[in-house]
Amino acid sequence: TAAAFSDASQQVEDWQQAWAERDIRLAWVVMPLGLTLVVLLVRVFFDGTAGSGIPLLSVGIELQDGDPNFVRVFSLRILFGKIL
């Protein structure tokens, strides 16, 4: 998993370098719009994914399997939002 994140990070860095070489103004438009899109997605579709997730994980460890809150803490939606 760490290797995949490293590869993805390197790919994004390569894209940023290509944008800067093509037209530096493009980076000044794409980056703020991308950040705005991520914030919007987190607030609208992935409520509960903001932050590092460490407090969420510590609560999740204390929950028993079958607890209704367990599903909310460890849902695929939350997982996808954290990866995003």
PDB file of N, CA and C in Angstrom:
ATOM      1  N   THR A   1       0.821  -1.177   0.000  1.00  0.00           N
ATOM      2  CA  THR A   1       0.000   0.000   0.000  1.00  0.00           C
ATOM      3  C   THR A   1       0.871   1.250   0.000  1.00  0.00           C
ATOM      4  N   ALA A   2       1.912   1.258   0.804  1.00  0.00           N
ATOM      5  CA  ALA A   2       2.799   2.426   0.860  1.00  0.00           C
ATOM      6  C   ALA A   2       3.469   2.653  -0.488  1.00  0.00           C
ATOM      7  N   ALA A   3       3.828   1.578  -1.160  1.00  0.00           N
ATOM      8  CA  ALA A   3       4.460   1.703  -2.478  1.00  0.00           C
ATOM      9  C   ALA A   3       3.495   2.306  -3.493  1.00  0.00           C
ATOM     10  N   ALA A   4       2.221   1.923  -3.417  1.00  0.00           N
ATOM     11  CA  ALA A   4       1.219   2.471  -4.333  1.00  0.00           C
ATOM     12  C   ALA A   4       1.035   3.969  -4.080  1.00  0.00           C
ATOM     13  N   PHE A   5       0.982   4.380  -2.809  1.00  0.00           N
ATOM     14  CA  PHE A   5       0.870   5.803  -2.496  1.00  0.00           C
ATOM     15  C   PHE A   5       2.114   6.562  -2.962  1.00  0.00           C
ATOM     16  N   SER A   6       3.274   5.950  -2.826  1.00  0.00           N
ATOM     17  CA  SER A   6       4.510   6.579  -3.288  1.00  0.00           C
ATOM     18  C   SER A   6       4.483   6.768  -4.801  1.00  0.00           C
ATOM     19  N   ASP A   7       4.044   5.735  -5.521  1.00  0.00           N
ATOM     20  CA  ASP A   7       3.941   5.831  -6.982  1.00  0.00           C
ATOM     21  C   ASP A   7       2.939   6.899  -7.396  1.00  0.00           C
ATOM     22  N   ALA A   8       1.793   6.942  -6.729  1.00  0.00           N
ATOM     23  CA  ALA A   8       0.768   7.945  -7.041  1.00  0.00           C
ATOM     24  C   ALA A   8       1.292   9.350  -6.756  1.00  0.00           C
ATOM     25  N   SER A   9       1.996   9.520  -5.661  1.00  0.00           N
ATOM     26  CA  SER A   9       2.566  10.818  -5.310  1.00  0.00           C
ATOM     27  C   SER A   9       3.589  11.260  -6.364  1.00  0.00           C
ATOM     28  N   GLN A  10       4.392  10.327  -6.810  1.00  0.00           N
ATOM     29  CA  GLN A  10       5.387  10.641  -7.841  1.00  0.00           C
ATOM     30  C   GLN A  10       4.707  11.038  -9.150  1.00  0.00           C
ATOM     31  N   GLN A  11       3.617  10.351  -9.495  1.00  0.00           N
ATOM     32  CA  GLN A  11       2.875  10.670 -10.713  1.00  0.00           C
ATOM     33  C   GLN A  11       2.295  12.082 -10.645  1.00  0.00           C
ATOM     34  N   VAL A  12       1.709  12.439  -9.503  1.00  0.00           N
ATOM     35  CA  VAL A  12       1.155  13.788  -9.334  1.00  0.00           C
ATOM     36  C   VAL A  12       2.261  14.831  -9.425  1.00  0.00           C
ATOM     37  N   GLU A  13       3.401  14.546  -8.831  1.00  0.00           N
ATOM     38  CA  GLU A  13       4.527  15.474  -8.897  1.00  0.00           C
ATOM     39  C   GLU A  13       4.998  15.661 -10.342  1.00  0.00           C
ATOM     40  N   ASP A  14       5.026  14.583 -11.106  1.00  0.00           N
ATOM     41  CA  ASP A  14       5.399  14.668 -12.523  1.00  0.00           C
ATOM     42  C   ASP A  14       4.399  15.512 -13.304  1.00  0.00           C
ATOM     43  N   TRP A  15       3.091  15.355 -13.012  1.00  0.00           N
ATOM     44  CA  TRP A  15       2.062  16.164 -13.671  1.00  0.00           C
ATOM     45  C   TRP A  15       2.244  17.637 -13.328  1.00  0.00           C
ATOM     46  N   GLN A  16       2.515  17.910 -12.064  1.00  0.00           N
ATOM     47  CA  GLN A  16       2.708  19.303 -11.646  1.00  0.00           C
ATOM     48  C   GLN A  16       3.904  19.924 -12.363  1.00  0.00           C
ATOM     49  N   GLN A  17       4.958  19.161 -12.509  1.00  0.00           N
ATOM     50  CA  GLN A  17       6.151  19.652 -13.204  1.00  0.00           C
ATOM     51  C   GLN A  17       5.825  19.922 -14.670  1.00  0.00           C
ATOM     52  N   ALA A  18       5.053  19.038 -15.289  1.00  0.00           N
ATOM     53  CA  ALA A  18       4.662  19.233 -16.683  1.00  0.00           C
ATOM     54  C   ALA A  18       3.801  20.483 -16.839  1.00  0.00           C
ATOM     55  N   TRP A  19       2.878  20.728 -15.897  1.00  0.00           N
ATOM     56  CA  TRP A  19       2.049  21.938 -15.935  1.00  0.00           C
ATOM     57  C   TRP A  19       2.922  23.183 -15.818  1.00  0.00           C
ATOM     58  N   ALA A  20       3.870  23.145 -14.908  1.00  0.00           N
ATOM     59  CA  ALA A  20       4.722  24.309 -14.686  1.00  0.00           C
ATOM     60  C   ALA A  20       5.579  24.603 -15.917  1.00  0.00           C
ATOM     61  N   GLU A  21       6.027  23.562 -16.591  1.00  0.00           N
ATOM     62  CA  GLU A  21       6.828  23.763 -17.799  1.00  0.00           C
ATOM     63  C   GLU A  21       5.971  24.285 -18.949  1.00  0.00           C
ATOM     64  N   ARG A  22       4.732  23.840 -18.995  1.00  0.00           N
ATOM     65  CA  ARG A  22       3.833  24.259 -20.080  1.00  0.00           C
ATOM     66  C   ARG A  22       3.371  25.707 -19.892  1.00  0.00           C
ATOM     67  N   ASP A  23       2.812  25.984 -18.719  1.00  0.00           N
ATOM     68  CA  ASP A  23       2.342  27.336 -18.408  1.00  0.00           C
ATOM     69  C   ASP A  23       2.153  27.415 -16.898  1.00  0.00           C
ATOM     70  N   ILE A  24       2.955  28.207 -16.232  1.00  0.00           N
ATOM     71  CA  ILE A  24       2.933  28.290 -14.772  1.00  0.00           C
ATOM     72  C   ILE A  24       1.576  28.751 -14.258  1.00  0.00           C
ATOM     73  N   ARG A  25       0.849  29.540 -15.055  1.00  0.00           N
ATOM     74  CA  ARG A  25      -0.463  30.011 -14.619  1.00  0.00           C
ATOM     75  C   ARG A  25      -1.464  28.866 -14.477  1.00  0.00           C
ATOM     76  N   LEU A  26      -1.274  27.803 -15.261  1.00  0.00           N
ATOM     77  CA  LEU A  26      -2.168  26.652 -15.175  1.00  0.00           C
ATOM     78  C   LEU A  26      -2.125  26.025 -13.784  1.00  0.00           C
ATOM     79  N   ALA A  27      -0.947  25.941 -13.196  1.00  0.00           N
ATOM     80  CA  ALA A  27      -0.819  25.386 -11.840  1.00  0.00           C
ATOM     81  C   ALA A  27      -1.563  26.258 -10.825  1.00  0.00           C
ATOM     82  N   TRP A  28      -1.579  27.571 -11.036  1.00  0.00           N
ATOM     83  CA  TRP A  28      -2.269  28.486 -10.126  1.00  0.00           C
ATOM     84  C   TRP A  28      -3.779  28.357 -10.230  1.00  0.00           C
ATOM     85  N   VAL A  29      -4.269  27.756 -11.295  1.00  0.00           N
ATOM     86  CA  VAL A  29      -5.712  27.542 -11.465  1.00  0.00           C
ATOM     87  C   VAL A  29      -6.102  26.133 -11.022  1.00  0.00           C
ATOM     88  N   VAL A  30      -5.337  25.139 -11.449  1.00  0.00           N
ATOM     89  CA  VAL A  30      -5.682  23.735 -11.191  1.00  0.00           C
ATOM     90  C   VAL A  30      -5.600  23.393  -9.708  1.00  0.00           C
ATOM     91  N   MET A  31      -4.554  23.825  -9.037  1.00  0.00           N
ATOM     92  CA  MET A  31      -4.376  23.455  -7.625  1.00  0.00           C
ATOM     93  C   MET A  31      -5.491  23.986  -6.723  1.00  0.00           C
ATOM     94  N   PRO A  32      -5.828  25.278  -6.779  1.00  0.00           N
ATOM     95  CA  PRO A  32      -6.925  25.752  -5.919  1.00  0.00           C
ATOM     96  C   PRO A  32      -8.268  25.115  -6.268  1.00  0.00           C
ATOM     97  N   LEU A  33      -8.526  24.909  -7.556  1.00  0.00           N
ATOM     98  CA  LEU A  33      -9.785  24.267  -7.938  1.00  0.00           C
ATOM     99  C   LEU A  33      -9.833  22.816  -7.458  1.00  0.00           C
ATOM    100  N   GLY A  34      -8.706  22.121  -7.536  1.00  0.00           N
ATOM    101  CA  GLY A  34      -8.648  20.740  -7.061  1.00  0.00           C
ATOM    102  C   GLY A  34      -8.870  20.652  -5.563  1.00  0.00           C
ATOM    103  N   LEU A  35      -8.255  21.551  -4.812  1.00  0.00           N
ATOM    104  CA  LEU A  35      -8.436  21.574  -3.364  1.00  0.00           C
ATOM    105  C   LEU A  35      -9.888  21.895  -3.013  1.00  0.00           C
ATOM    106  N   THR A  36     -10.471  22.833  -3.729  1.00  0.00           N
ATOM    107  CA  THR A  36     -11.880  23.177  -3.501  1.00  0.00           C
ATOM    108  C   THR A  36     -12.779  21.982  -3.774  1.00  0.00           C
ATOM    109  N   LEU A  37     -12.497  21.239  -4.836  1.00  0.00           N
ATOM    110  CA  LEU A  37     -13.274  20.042  -5.162  1.00  0.00           C
ATOM    111  C   LEU A  37     -13.159  18.993  -4.060  1.00  0.00           C
ATOM    112  N   VAL A  38     -11.964  18.774  -3.548  1.00  0.00           N
ATOM    113  CA  VAL A  38     -11.771  17.785  -2.481  1.00  0.00           C
ATOM    114  C   VAL A  38     -12.525  18.197  -1.218  1.00  0.00           C
ATOM    115  N   VAL A  39     -12.446  19.473  -0.846  1.00  0.00           N
ATOM    116  CA  VAL A  39     -13.160  19.954   0.338  1.00  0.00           C
ATOM    117  C   VAL A  39     -14.665  19.781   0.153  1.00  0.00           C
ATOM    118  N   LEU A  40     -15.168  20.114  -1.022  1.00  0.00           N
ATOM    119  CA  LEU A  40     -16.594  19.955  -1.314  1.00  0.00           C
ATOM    120  C   LEU A  40     -17.016  18.485  -1.228  1.00  0.00           C
ATOM    121  N   LEU A  41     -16.229  17.597  -1.799  1.00  0.00           N
ATOM    122  CA  LEU A  41     -16.553  16.167  -1.739  1.00  0.00           C
ATOM    123  C   LEU A  41     -16.572  15.654  -0.303  1.00  0.00           C
ATOM    124  N   VAL A  42     -15.594  16.078   0.498  1.00  0.00           N
ATOM    125  CA  VAL A  42     -15.531  15.630   1.891  1.00  0.00           C
ATOM    126  C   VAL A  42     -16.746  16.120   2.669  1.00  0.00           C
ATOM    127  N   ARG A  43     -17.119  17.362   2.472  1.00  0.00           N
ATOM    128  CA  ARG A  43     -18.236  17.926   3.245  1.00  0.00           C
ATOM    129  C   ARG A  43     -19.594  17.407   2.788  1.00  0.00           C
ATOM    130  N   VAL A  44     -19.764  17.132   1.494  1.00  0.00           N
ATOM    131  CA  VAL A  44     -21.074  16.734   0.975  1.00  0.00           C
ATOM    132  C   VAL A  44     -21.253  15.218   0.976  1.00  0.00           C
ATOM    133  N   PHE A  45     -20.270  14.485   0.461  1.00  0.00           N
ATOM    134  CA  PHE A  45     -20.438  13.043   0.259  1.00  0.00           C
ATOM    135  C   PHE A  45     -19.749  12.179   1.306  1.00  0.00           C
ATOM    136  N   PHE A  46     -18.709  12.683   1.935  1.00  0.00           N
ATOM    137  CA  PHE A  46     -17.921  11.852   2.843  1.00  0.00           C
ATOM    138  C   PHE A  46     -17.856  12.464   4.233  1.00  0.00           C
ATOM    139  N   ASP A  47     -19.012  12.801   4.790  1.00  0.00           N
ATOM    140  CA  ASP A  47     -19.061  13.371   6.128  1.00  0.00           C
ATOM    141  C   ASP A  47     -18.464  12.381   7.126  1.00  0.00           C
ATOM    142  N   GLY A  48     -17.579  12.840   7.951  1.00  0.00           N
ATOM    143  CA  GLY A  48     -16.936  11.977   8.932  1.00  0.00           C
ATOM    144  C   GLY A  48     -15.531  11.567   8.531  1.00  0.00           C
ATOM    145  N   THR A  49     -15.047  12.042   7.379  1.00  0.00           N
ATOM    146  CA  THR A  49     -13.710  11.651   6.943  1.00  0.00           C
ATOM    147  C   THR A  49     -12.661  12.727   7.189  1.00  0.00           C
ATOM    148  N   ALA A  50     -13.060  13.883   7.682  1.00  0.00           N
ATOM    149  CA  ALA A  50     -12.094  14.957   7.918  1.00  0.00           C
ATOM    150  C   ALA A  50     -11.177  14.579   9.077  1.00  0.00           C
ATOM    151  N   GLY A  51      -9.963  15.045   9.021  1.00  0.00           N
ATOM    152  CA  GLY A  51      -9.000  14.781  10.092  1.00  0.00           C
ATOM    153  C   GLY A  51      -8.141  13.567   9.809  1.00  0.00           C
ATOM    154  N   SER A  52      -7.305  13.233  10.776  1.00  0.00           N
ATOM    155  CA  SER A  52      -6.337  12.150  10.586  1.00  0.00           C
ATOM    156  C   SER A  52      -6.962  10.766  10.695  1.00  0.00           C
ATOM    157  N   GLY A  53      -8.045  10.649  11.452  1.00  0.00           N
ATOM    158  CA  GLY A  53      -8.692   9.360  11.631  1.00  0.00           C
ATOM    159  C   GLY A  53      -8.224   8.601  12.855  1.00  0.00           C
ATOM    160  N   ILE A  54      -7.219   9.109  13.538  1.00  0.00           N
ATOM    161  CA  ILE A  54      -6.705   8.412  14.726  1.00  0.00           C
ATOM    162  C   ILE A  54      -7.756   8.335  15.830  1.00  0.00           C
ATOM    163  N   PRO A  55      -8.456   9.451  16.170  1.00  0.00           N
ATOM    164  CA  PRO A  55      -9.507   9.321  17.187  1.00  0.00           C
ATOM    165  C   PRO A  55     -10.626   8.378  16.744  1.00  0.00           C
ATOM    166  N   LEU A  56     -10.952   8.401  15.471  1.00  0.00           N
ATOM    167  CA  LEU A  56     -11.983   7.509  14.940  1.00  0.00           C
ATOM    168  C   LEU A  56     -11.564   6.051  15.094  1.00  0.00           C
ATOM    169  N   LEU A  57     -10.308   5.765  14.821  1.00  0.00           N
ATOM    170  CA  LEU A  57      -9.805   4.406  14.963  1.00  0.00           C
ATOM    171  C   LEU A  57      -9.821   3.953  16.421  1.00  0.00           C
ATOM    172  N   SER A  58      -9.456   4.832  17.348  1.00  0.00           N
ATOM    173  CA  SER A  58      -9.456   4.438  18.759  1.00  0.00           C
ATOM    174  C   SER A  58     -10.872   4.147  19.250  1.00  0.00           C
ATOM    175  N   VAL A  59     -11.856   4.903  18.771  1.00  0.00           N
ATOM    176  CA  VAL A  59     -13.252   4.609  19.120  1.00  0.00           C
ATOM    177  C   VAL A  59     -13.674   3.292  18.471  1.00  0.00           C
ATOM    178  N   GLY A  60     -13.283   3.093  17.242  1.00  0.00           N
ATOM    179  CA  GLY A  60     -13.645   1.872  16.530  1.00  0.00           C
ATOM    180  C   GLY A  60     -13.096   0.612  17.167  1.00  0.00           C
ATOM    181  N   ILE A  61     -11.928   0.710  17.766  1.00  0.00           N
ATOM    182  CA  ILE A  61     -11.339  -0.451  18.439  1.00  0.00           C
ATOM    183  C   ILE A  61     -12.182  -0.853  19.645  1.00  0.00           C
ATOM    184  N   GLU A  62     -12.773   0.133  20.322  1.00  0.00           N
ATOM    185  CA  GLU A  62     -13.586  -0.149  21.503  1.00  0.00           C
ATOM    186  C   GLU A  62     -14.972  -0.685  21.156  1.00  0.00           C
ATOM    187  N   LEU A  63     -15.430  -0.440  19.931  1.00  0.00           N
ATOM    188  CA  LEU A  63     -16.765  -0.903  19.537  1.00  0.00           C
ATOM    189  C   LEU A  63     -16.764  -2.406  19.286  1.00  0.00           C
ATOM    190  N   GLN A  64     -17.858  -3.036  19.593  1.00  0.00           N
ATOM    191  CA  GLN A  64     -18.025  -4.458  19.339  1.00  0.00           C
ATOM    192  C   GLN A  64     -18.598  -4.656  17.940  1.00  0.00           C
ATOM    193  N   ASP A  65     -18.221  -5.744  17.301  1.00  0.00           N
ATOM    194  CA  ASP A  65     -18.803  -6.071  16.003  1.00  0.00           C
ATOM    195  C   ASP A  65     -20.306  -6.282  16.194  1.00  0.00           C
ATOM    196  N   GLY A  66     -21.109  -5.669  15.351  1.00  0.00           N
ATOM    197  CA  GLY A  66     -22.551  -5.729  15.488  1.00  0.00           C
ATOM    198  C   GLY A  66     -23.139  -4.452  16.047  1.00  0.00           C
ATOM    199  N   ASP A  67     -22.304  -3.618  16.659  1.00  0.00           N
ATOM    200  CA  ASP A  67     -22.756  -2.318  17.153  1.00  0.00           C
ATOM    201  C   ASP A  67     -23.113  -1.450  15.943  1.00  0.00           C
ATOM    202  N   PRO A  68     -24.247  -0.757  15.963  1.00  0.00           N
ATOM    203  CA  PRO A  68     -24.636   0.075  14.816  1.00  0.00           C
ATOM    204  C   PRO A  68     -23.601   1.147  14.466  1.00  0.00           C
ATOM    205  N   ASN A  69     -22.898   1.639  15.466  1.00  0.00           N
ATOM    206  CA  ASN A  69     -21.877   2.650  15.199  1.00  0.00           C
ATOM    207  C   ASN A  69     -20.634   2.057  14.543  1.00  0.00           C
ATOM    208  N   PHE A  70     -20.410   0.750  14.694  1.00  0.00           N
ATOM    209  CA  PHE A  70     -19.271   0.087  14.084  1.00  0.00           C
ATOM    210  C   PHE A  70     -19.324   0.230  12.565  1.00  0.00           C
ATOM    211  N   VAL A  71     -20.507   0.025  12.006  1.00  0.00           N
ATOM    212  CA  VAL A  71     -20.678   0.122  10.555  1.00  0.00           C
ATOM    213  C   VAL A  71     -20.447   1.559  10.089  1.00  0.00           C
ATOM    214  N   ARG A  72     -20.886   2.523  10.868  1.00  0.00           N
ATOM    215  CA  ARG A  72     -20.691   3.931  10.495  1.00  0.00           C
ATOM    216  C   ARG A  72     -19.216   4.305  10.524  1.00  0.00           C
ATOM    217  N   VAL A  73     -18.484   3.794  11.486  1.00  0.00           N
ATOM    218  CA  VAL A  73     -17.068   4.131  11.622  1.00  0.00           C
ATOM    219  C   VAL A  73     -16.231   3.441  10.546  1.00  0.00           C
ATOM    220  N   PHE A  74     -16.572   2.192  10.230  1.00  0.00           N
ATOM    221  CA  PHE A  74     -15.760   1.408   9.295  1.00  0.00           C
ATOM    222  C   PHE A  74     -16.509   1.081   8.007  1.00  0.00           C
ATOM    223  N   SER A  75     -17.211   2.046   7.446  1.00  0.00           N
ATOM    224  CA  SER A  75     -17.938   1.807   6.205  1.00  0.00           C
ATOM    225  C   SER A  75     -17.012   1.988   5.004  1.00  0.00           C
ATOM    226  N   LEU A  76     -17.394   1.432   3.862  1.00  0.00           N
ATOM    227  CA  LEU A  76     -16.620   1.596   2.639  1.00  0.00           C
ATOM    228  C   LEU A  76     -16.636   3.049   2.176  1.00  0.00           C
ATOM    229  N   ARG A  77     -17.718   3.748   2.448  1.00  0.00           N
ATOM    230  CA  ARG A  77     -17.808   5.169   2.085  1.00  0.00           C
ATOM    231  C   ARG A  77     -16.734   5.965   2.823  1.00  0.00           C
ATOM    232  N   ILE A  78     -16.590   5.703   4.130  1.00  0.00           N
ATOM    233  CA  ILE A  78     -15.575   6.391   4.929  1.00  0.00           C
ATOM    234  C   ILE A  78     -14.174   6.008   4.423  1.00  0.00           C
ATOM    235  N   LEU A  79     -13.963   4.739   4.122  1.00  0.00           N
ATOM    236  CA  LEU A  79     -12.685   4.281   3.620  1.00  0.00           C
ATOM    237  C   LEU A  79     -12.326   4.985   2.314  1.00  0.00           C
ATOM    238  N   PHE A  80     -13.270   5.040   1.383  1.00  0.00           N
ATOM    239  CA  PHE A  80     -13.018   5.699   0.103  1.00  0.00           C
ATOM    240  C   PHE A  80     -12.753   7.183   0.299  1.00  0.00           C
ATOM    241  N   GLY A  81     -13.513   7.817   1.175  1.00  0.00           N
ATOM    242  CA  GLY A  81     -13.295   9.242   1.457  1.00  0.00           C
ATOM    243  C   GLY A  81     -11.944   9.521   2.068  1.00  0.00           C
ATOM    244  N   LYS A  82     -11.435   8.616   2.920  1.00  0.00           N
ATOM    245  CA  LYS A  82     -10.122   8.780   3.518  1.00  0.00           C
ATOM    246  C   LYS A  82      -9.025   8.647   2.451  1.00  0.00           C
ATOM    247  N   ILE A  83      -9.217   7.728   1.523  1.00  0.00           N
ATOM    248  CA  ILE A  83      -8.226   7.546   0.456  1.00  0.00           C
ATOM    249  C   ILE A  83      -8.219   8.757  -0.461  1.00  0.00           C
ATOM    250  N   LEU A  84      -9.405   9.285  -0.726  1.00  0.00           N
ATOM    251  CA  LEU A  84      -9.514  10.460  -1.604  1.00  0.00           C
ATOM    252  C   LEU A  84      -8.774  11.622  -0.983  1.00  0.00           C
TER     253      LEU A  84
END
